[in-house]
Amino acid sequence: MVDFIHYSTLMLKNNSYIRCMFIDISKVFEVVRHSILLSKISNLNIPPMALNWIIAFLTGRSQVCKTSDGRFFDPQPITSSIVQGSGIGPTLWLIMDSDLQPLSDANVIFKYADDTNLLVPLVPENTDCNLAAEFSNIKRWADTNGLIINLDKTKELVLHRPHVTRHNLPQSLTGIEQVTTIRLLVSYFKVV
């Protein structure tokens, strides 16, 4: 939250507005594919004992479904998900999204994960890479990693300098609602 406010304020010193897109990834903890996550983990420089522990934590698990009349289905392997609420879950998500970077050095992506996952790119007015390109980059990353962006919950907020007599704010991206108030964690941001 502090970083978001800090970078927004810095960007507004040299820009009349910045575009913030609050991107929701659907069921992020449930859909992370173990094969993709383990591939990313294996590229890290971590001790073999820790790597083996993570592999054992993620693999070799199964689930069984029981019908309302008491019948059980055969066990099915669990090949995706990060156990939400586990001590290692947030770290595994940090590894998962570590390769997502903004296209431009002028832009910043904030990453936050809990029940809803948010990726928030900040794109200033004066940049070599606009919001549409950054959003396409994030969509490509999500597709590559087997994640689904929830467009209904994805919103854009345009922050601008105070006391500007005339706003020439950008048009919203097609299919993305541009809002004047957004809730981020436990705080609300409102543009007036």
C-alpha atoms as a PDB file:
ATOM      1  CA  MET A   1       0.000   0.000   0.000  1.00  0.00           C
ATOM      2  CA  VAL A   2       2.796   2.374   0.953  1.00  0.00           C
ATOM      3  CA  ASP A   3       4.720   1.561  -2.243  1.00  0.00           C
ATOM      4  CA  PHE A   4       1.586   2.094  -4.334  1.00  0.00           C
ATOM      5  CA  ILE A   5       1.048   5.562  -2.860  1.00  0.00           C
ATOM      6  CA  HIS A   6       4.761   6.374  -3.072  1.00  0.00           C
ATOM      7  CA  TYR A   7       5.145   5.447  -6.754  1.00  0.00           C
ATOM      8  CA  SER A   8       1.838   7.092  -7.678  1.00  0.00           C
ATOM      9  CA  THR A   9       2.934  10.328  -6.059  1.00  0.00           C
ATOM     10  CA  LEU A  10       6.343  10.215  -7.752  1.00  0.00           C
ATOM     11  CA  MET A  11       4.788   9.561 -11.155  1.00  0.00           C
ATOM     12  CA  LEU A  12       2.336  12.444 -10.753  1.00  0.00           C
ATOM     13  CA  LYS A  13       5.220  14.892 -10.303  1.00  0.00           C
ATOM     14  CA  ASN A  14       6.064  14.576 -14.009  1.00  0.00           C
ATOM     15  CA  ASN A  15       2.727  13.463 -15.458  1.00  0.00           C
ATOM     16  CA  SER A  16      -0.745  14.975 -15.341  1.00  0.00           C
ATOM     17  CA  TYR A  17      -2.207  11.476 -14.824  1.00  0.00           C
ATOM     18  CA  ILE A  18      -1.314   7.835 -14.303  1.00  0.00           C
ATOM     19  CA  ARG A  19      -3.388   4.826 -15.248  1.00  0.00           C
ATOM     20  CA  CYS A  20      -3.807   2.045 -12.691  1.00  0.00           C
ATOM     21  CA  MET A  21      -5.390  -1.220 -13.726  1.00  0.00           C
ATOM     22  CA  PHE A  22      -6.542  -3.517 -10.945  1.00  0.00           C
ATOM     23  CA  ILE A  23      -6.338  -6.984 -12.484  1.00  0.00           C
ATOM     24  CA  ASP A  24      -8.074  -9.929 -10.842  1.00  0.00           C
ATOM     25  CA  ILE A  25      -6.828 -13.445 -11.545  1.00  0.00           C
ATOM     26  CA  SER A  26      -9.573 -16.033 -11.058  1.00  0.00           C
ATOM     27  CA  LYS A  27      -9.039 -18.649  -8.360  1.00  0.00           C
ATOM     28  CA  VAL A  28      -5.309 -18.071  -8.454  1.00  0.00           C
ATOM     29  CA  PHE A  29      -4.393 -20.441  -5.622  1.00  0.00           C
ATOM     30  CA  GLU A  30      -6.532 -23.252  -7.042  1.00  0.00           C
ATOM     31  CA  VAL A  31      -5.276 -23.153 -10.642  1.00  0.00           C
ATOM     32  CA  VAL A  32      -1.496 -22.862 -10.262  1.00  0.00           C
ATOM     33  CA  ARG A  33      -0.153 -25.886 -12.144  1.00  0.00           C
ATOM     34  CA  HIS A  34       2.444 -27.790 -10.170  1.00  0.00           C
ATOM     35  CA  SER A  35       4.464 -28.574 -13.300  1.00  0.00           C
ATOM     36  CA  ILE A  36       4.897 -24.861 -14.115  1.00  0.00           C
ATOM     37  CA  LEU A  37       5.633 -23.901 -10.511  1.00  0.00           C
ATOM     38  CA  LEU A  38       8.142 -26.740 -10.050  1.00  0.00           C
ATOM     39  CA  SER A  39       9.894 -25.729 -13.266  1.00  0.00           C
ATOM     40  CA  LYS A  40      10.313 -22.192 -11.918  1.00  0.00           C
ATOM     41  CA  ILE A  41      11.459 -23.467  -8.513  1.00  0.00           C
ATOM     42  CA  SER A  42      14.040 -25.785 -10.082  1.00  0.00           C
ATOM     43  CA  ASN A  43      15.640 -22.763 -11.785  1.00  0.00           C
ATOM     44  CA  LEU A  44      16.274 -21.132  -8.405  1.00  0.00           C
ATOM     45  CA  ASN A  45      19.476 -21.536  -6.468  1.00  0.00           C
ATOM     46  CA  ILE A  46      18.011 -23.276  -3.415  1.00  0.00           C
ATOM     47  CA  PRO A  47      19.502 -26.168  -1.423  1.00  0.00           C
ATOM     48  CA  PRO A  48      18.508 -29.624  -2.717  1.00  0.00           C
ATOM     49  CA  MET A  49      16.939 -30.522   0.643  1.00  0.00           C
ATOM     50  CA  ALA A  50      14.577 -27.525   0.438  1.00  0.00           C
ATOM     51  CA  LEU A  51      13.778 -28.293  -3.210  1.00  0.00           C
ATOM     52  CA  ASN A  52      12.964 -31.913  -2.347  1.00  0.00           C
ATOM     53  CA  TRP A  53      10.735 -30.780   0.528  1.00  0.00           C
ATOM     54  CA  ILE A  54       8.768 -28.456  -1.796  1.00  0.00           C
ATOM     55  CA  ILE A  55       8.442 -31.212  -4.412  1.00  0.00           C
ATOM     56  CA  ALA A  56       7.150 -33.600  -1.737  1.00  0.00           C
ATOM     57  CA  PHE A  57       4.721 -30.929  -0.503  1.00  0.00           C
ATOM     58  CA  LEU A  58       3.246 -30.368  -3.975  1.00  0.00           C
ATOM     59  CA  THR A  59       3.252 -33.869  -5.438  1.00  0.00           C
ATOM     60  CA  GLY A  60       1.906 -37.292  -4.580  1.00  0.00           C
ATOM     61  CA  ARG A  61      -1.394 -35.981  -3.212  1.00  0.00           C
ATOM     62  CA  SER A  62      -4.859 -37.084  -4.242  1.00  0.00           C
ATOM     63  CA  GLN A  63      -8.460 -36.306  -3.453  1.00  0.00           C
ATOM     64  CA  VAL A  64     -11.615 -38.379  -3.236  1.00  0.00           C
ATOM     65  CA  CYS A  65     -15.167 -37.179  -3.842  1.00  0.00           C
ATOM     66  CA  LYS A  66     -18.137 -38.590  -1.983  1.00  0.00           C
ATOM     67  CA  THR A  67     -21.650 -38.443  -3.457  1.00  0.00           C
ATOM     68  CA  SER A  68     -24.734 -37.511  -1.454  1.00  0.00           C
ATOM     69  CA  ASP A  69     -25.751 -41.185  -1.348  1.00  0.00           C
ATOM     70  CA  GLY A  70     -22.433 -42.219   0.229  1.00  0.00           C
ATOM     71  CA  ARG A  71     -20.586 -43.576  -2.838  1.00  0.00           C
ATOM     72  CA  PHE A  72     -16.917 -42.697  -3.262  1.00  0.00           C
ATOM     73  CA  PHE A  73     -15.154 -41.941  -6.546  1.00  0.00           C
ATOM     74  CA  ASP A  74     -11.667 -43.254  -7.255  1.00  0.00           C
ATOM     75  CA  PRO A  75      -8.838 -41.065  -5.911  1.00  0.00           C
ATOM     76  CA  GLN A  76      -7.659 -38.435  -8.395  1.00  0.00           C
ATOM     77  CA  PRO A  77      -4.180 -36.862  -8.340  1.00  0.00           C
ATOM     78  CA  ILE A  78      -3.921 -33.191  -7.384  1.00  0.00           C
ATOM     79  CA  THR A  79      -1.787 -31.542 -10.071  1.00  0.00           C
ATOM     80  CA  SER A  80      -2.594 -27.915  -9.378  1.00  0.00           C
ATOM     81  CA  SER A  81      -3.159 -25.504  -6.500  1.00  0.00           C
ATOM     82  CA  ILE A  82      -1.184 -23.875  -3.758  1.00  0.00           C
ATOM     83  CA  VAL A  83      -2.588 -24.707  -0.358  1.00  0.00           C
ATOM     84  CA  GLN A  84      -4.183 -21.438   0.694  1.00  0.00           C
ATOM     85  CA  GLY A  85      -3.419 -20.615   4.304  1.00  0.00           C
ATOM     86  CA  SER A  86      -0.276 -22.728   4.336  1.00  0.00           C
ATOM     87  CA  GLY A  87       2.933 -21.159   5.563  1.00  0.00           C
ATOM     88  CA  ILE A  88       4.670 -21.696   2.236  1.00  0.00           C
ATOM     89  CA  GLY A  89       1.743 -20.652   0.010  1.00  0.00           C
ATOM     90  CA  PRO A  90       2.650 -16.944  -0.273  1.00  0.00           C
ATOM     91  CA  THR A  91       6.281 -17.805  -1.057  1.00  0.00           C
ATOM     92  CA  LEU A  92       5.205 -20.241  -3.771  1.00  0.00           C
ATOM     93  CA  TRP A  93       3.034 -17.510  -5.327  1.00  0.00           C
ATOM     94  CA  LEU A  94       5.973 -15.065  -5.220  1.00  0.00           C
ATOM     95  CA  ILE A  95       8.019 -17.617  -7.142  1.00  0.00           C
ATOM     96  CA  MET A  96       5.151 -18.145  -9.582  1.00  0.00           C
ATOM     97  CA  ASP A  97       4.797 -14.454 -10.450  1.00  0.00           C
ATOM     98  CA  SER A  98       8.496 -13.529 -10.195  1.00  0.00           C
ATOM     99  CA  ASP A  99       8.987 -13.573 -13.972  1.00  0.00           C
ATOM    100  CA  LEU A 100       6.211 -11.029 -14.624  1.00  0.00           C
ATOM    101  CA  GLN A 101       7.876  -7.685 -15.302  1.00  0.00           C
ATOM    102  CA  PRO A 102       6.605  -4.454 -16.893  1.00  0.00           C
ATOM    103  CA  LEU A 103       7.557  -3.859 -20.521  1.00  0.00           C
ATOM    104  CA  SER A 104       8.841  -0.352 -19.763  1.00  0.00           C
ATOM    105  CA  ASP A 105      11.134   0.869 -16.995  1.00  0.00           C
ATOM    106  CA  ALA A 106       8.777   3.856 -16.613  1.00  0.00           C
ATOM    107  CA  ASN A 107       5.929   1.518 -15.579  1.00  0.00           C
ATOM    108  CA  VAL A 108       5.556  -0.411 -12.328  1.00  0.00           C
ATOM    109  CA  ILE A 109       3.598  -3.594 -11.539  1.00  0.00           C
ATOM    110  CA  PHE A 110       2.438  -4.179  -7.976  1.00  0.00           C
ATOM    111  CA  LYS A 111       1.626  -7.765  -7.082  1.00  0.00           C
ATOM    112  CA  TYR A 112      -0.588  -8.829  -4.212  1.00  0.00           C
ATOM    113  CA  ALA A 113      -2.142 -12.207  -3.493  1.00  0.00           C
ATOM    114  CA  ASP A 114      -4.807 -13.299  -1.067  1.00  0.00           C
ATOM    115  CA  ASP A 115      -8.374 -14.438  -1.746  1.00  0.00           C
ATOM    116  CA  THR A 116      -8.278 -12.247  -4.826  1.00  0.00           C
ATOM    117  CA  ASN A 117      -5.063 -11.809  -6.694  1.00  0.00           C
ATOM    118  CA  LEU A 118      -4.222  -8.354  -7.887  1.00  0.00           C
ATOM    119  CA  LEU A 119      -1.662  -7.234 -10.400  1.00  0.00           C
ATOM    120  CA  VAL A 120      -1.644  -3.465 -10.580  1.00  0.00           C
ATOM    121  CA  PRO A 121       0.371  -1.883 -13.373  1.00  0.00           C
ATOM    122  CA  LEU A 122       0.966   1.850 -12.974  1.00  0.00           C
ATOM    123  CA  VAL A 123       1.425   3.533 -16.339  1.00  0.00           C
ATOM    124  CA  PRO A 124       2.199   7.269 -16.388  1.00  0.00           C
ATOM    125  CA  GLU A 125       0.980   9.663 -19.069  1.00  0.00           C
ATOM    126  CA  ASN A 126       4.504   9.976 -20.484  1.00  0.00           C
ATOM    127  CA  THR A 127       5.781   6.477 -21.147  1.00  0.00           C
ATOM    128  CA  ASP A 128       7.222   4.511 -24.028  1.00  0.00           C
ATOM    129  CA  CYS A 129       4.747   1.685 -23.377  1.00  0.00           C
ATOM    130  CA  ASN A 130       1.037   2.363 -22.875  1.00  0.00           C
ATOM    131  CA  LEU A 131      -1.478   0.559 -20.672  1.00  0.00           C
ATOM    132  CA  ALA A 132      -2.854  -1.533 -23.545  1.00  0.00           C
ATOM    133  CA  ALA A 133       0.611  -2.976 -24.229  1.00  0.00           C
ATOM    134  CA  GLU A 134       1.243  -3.630 -20.519  1.00  0.00           C
ATOM    135  CA  PHE A 135      -2.149  -5.336 -20.196  1.00  0.00           C
ATOM    136  CA  SER A 136      -1.390  -7.498 -23.267  1.00  0.00           C
ATOM    137  CA  ASN A 137       1.927  -8.431 -21.644  1.00  0.00           C
ATOM    138  CA  ILE A 138       0.129  -9.479 -18.446  1.00  0.00           C
ATOM    139  CA  LYS A 139      -2.478 -11.456 -20.420  1.00  0.00           C
ATOM    140  CA  ARG A 140       0.312 -13.287 -22.314  1.00  0.00           C
ATOM    141  CA  TRP A 141       2.051 -14.075 -19.014  1.00  0.00           C
ATOM    142  CA  ALA A 142      -1.224 -15.345 -17.517  1.00  0.00           C
ATOM    143  CA  ASP A 143      -1.913 -17.541 -20.581  1.00  0.00           C
ATOM    144  CA  THR A 144       1.620 -18.968 -20.506  1.00  0.00           C
ATOM    145  CA  ASN A 145       1.213 -19.803 -16.812  1.00  0.00           C
ATOM    146  CA  GLY A 146      -2.280 -21.299 -17.131  1.00  0.00           C
ATOM    147  CA  LEU A 147      -3.964 -18.459 -15.225  1.00  0.00           C
ATOM    148  CA  ILE A 148      -7.247 -16.736 -16.101  1.00  0.00           C
ATOM    149  CA  ILE A 149      -7.826 -12.990 -15.812  1.00  0.00           C
ATOM    150  CA  ASN A 150     -11.318 -12.159 -14.577  1.00  0.00           C
ATOM    151  CA  LEU A 151     -12.266  -9.249 -16.853  1.00  0.00           C
ATOM    152  CA  ASP A 152     -15.502  -8.578 -14.933  1.00  0.00           C
ATOM    153  CA  LYS A 153     -13.520  -7.763 -11.793  1.00  0.00           C
ATOM    154  CA  THR A 154     -10.669  -5.977 -13.572  1.00  0.00           C
ATOM    155  CA  LYS A 155     -11.003  -2.199 -13.270  1.00  0.00           C
ATOM    156  CA  GLU A 156      -9.062   0.890 -14.278  1.00  0.00           C
ATOM    157  CA  LEU A 157      -8.551   3.936 -12.079  1.00  0.00           C
ATOM    158  CA  VAL A 158      -6.977   7.097 -13.499  1.00  0.00           C
ATOM    159  CA  LEU A 159      -5.157   9.150 -10.877  1.00  0.00           C
ATOM    160  CA  HIS A 160      -4.466  12.778 -11.734  1.00  0.00           C
ATOM    161  CA  ARG A 161      -2.950  15.860 -10.203  1.00  0.00           C
ATOM    162  CA  PRO A 162      -5.221  17.887  -7.943  1.00  0.00           C
ATOM    163  CA  HIS A 163      -6.656  21.198  -9.067  1.00  0.00           C
ATOM    164  CA  VAL A 164      -6.277  20.502 -12.751  1.00  0.00           C
ATOM    165  CA  THR A 165      -8.797  22.750 -14.478  1.00  0.00           C
ATOM    166  CA  ARG A 166      -9.267  20.524 -17.485  1.00  0.00           C
ATOM    167  CA  HIS A 167      -8.692  16.798 -17.598  1.00  0.00           C
ATOM    168  CA  ASN A 168      -7.747  15.133 -20.847  1.00  0.00           C
ATOM    169  CA  LEU A 169      -8.000  11.657 -19.441  1.00  0.00           C
ATOM    170  CA  PRO A 170      -7.496   8.614 -21.656  1.00  0.00           C
ATOM    171  CA  GLN A 171     -10.314   6.405 -22.860  1.00  0.00           C
ATOM    172  CA  SER A 172     -10.663   3.143 -21.007  1.00  0.00           C
ATOM    173  CA  LEU A 173      -9.496  -0.062 -22.617  1.00  0.00           C
ATOM    174  CA  THR A 174     -12.185  -2.005 -24.459  1.00  0.00           C
ATOM    175  CA  GLY A 175     -14.088  -4.235 -22.051  1.00  0.00           C
ATOM    176  CA  ILE A 176     -12.496  -2.715 -18.920  1.00  0.00           C
ATOM    177  CA  GLU A 177     -14.572  -0.450 -16.697  1.00  0.00           C
ATOM    178  CA  GLN A 178     -12.958   2.848 -15.735  1.00  0.00           C
ATOM    179  CA  VAL A 179     -13.952   3.716 -12.157  1.00  0.00           C
ATOM    180  CA  THR A 180     -13.466   6.680  -9.819  1.00  0.00           C
ATOM    181  CA  THR A 181     -13.283   4.641  -6.594  1.00  0.00           C
ATOM    182  CA  ILE A 182     -11.477   1.390  -5.926  1.00  0.00           C
ATOM    183  CA  ARG A 183     -10.962  -0.706  -2.829  1.00  0.00           C
ATOM    184  CA  LEU A 184      -7.401  -1.929  -2.373  1.00  0.00           C
ATOM    185  CA  LEU A 185      -6.954  -4.244   0.599  1.00  0.00           C
ATOM    186  CA  VAL A 186      -8.724  -2.358   3.404  1.00  0.00           C
ATOM    187  CA  SER A 187      -8.427   1.135   1.916  1.00  0.00           C
ATOM    188  CA  TYR A 188     -10.481   3.010  -0.649  1.00  0.00           C
ATOM    189  CA  PHE A 189      -9.015   5.282  -3.309  1.00  0.00           C
ATOM    190  CA  LYS A 190     -11.315   7.897  -4.809  1.00  0.00           C
ATOM    191  CA  VAL A 191     -10.528  10.282  -7.617  1.00  0.00           C
ATOM    192  CA  VAL A 192     -12.205  13.671  -7.328  1.00  0.00           C
END
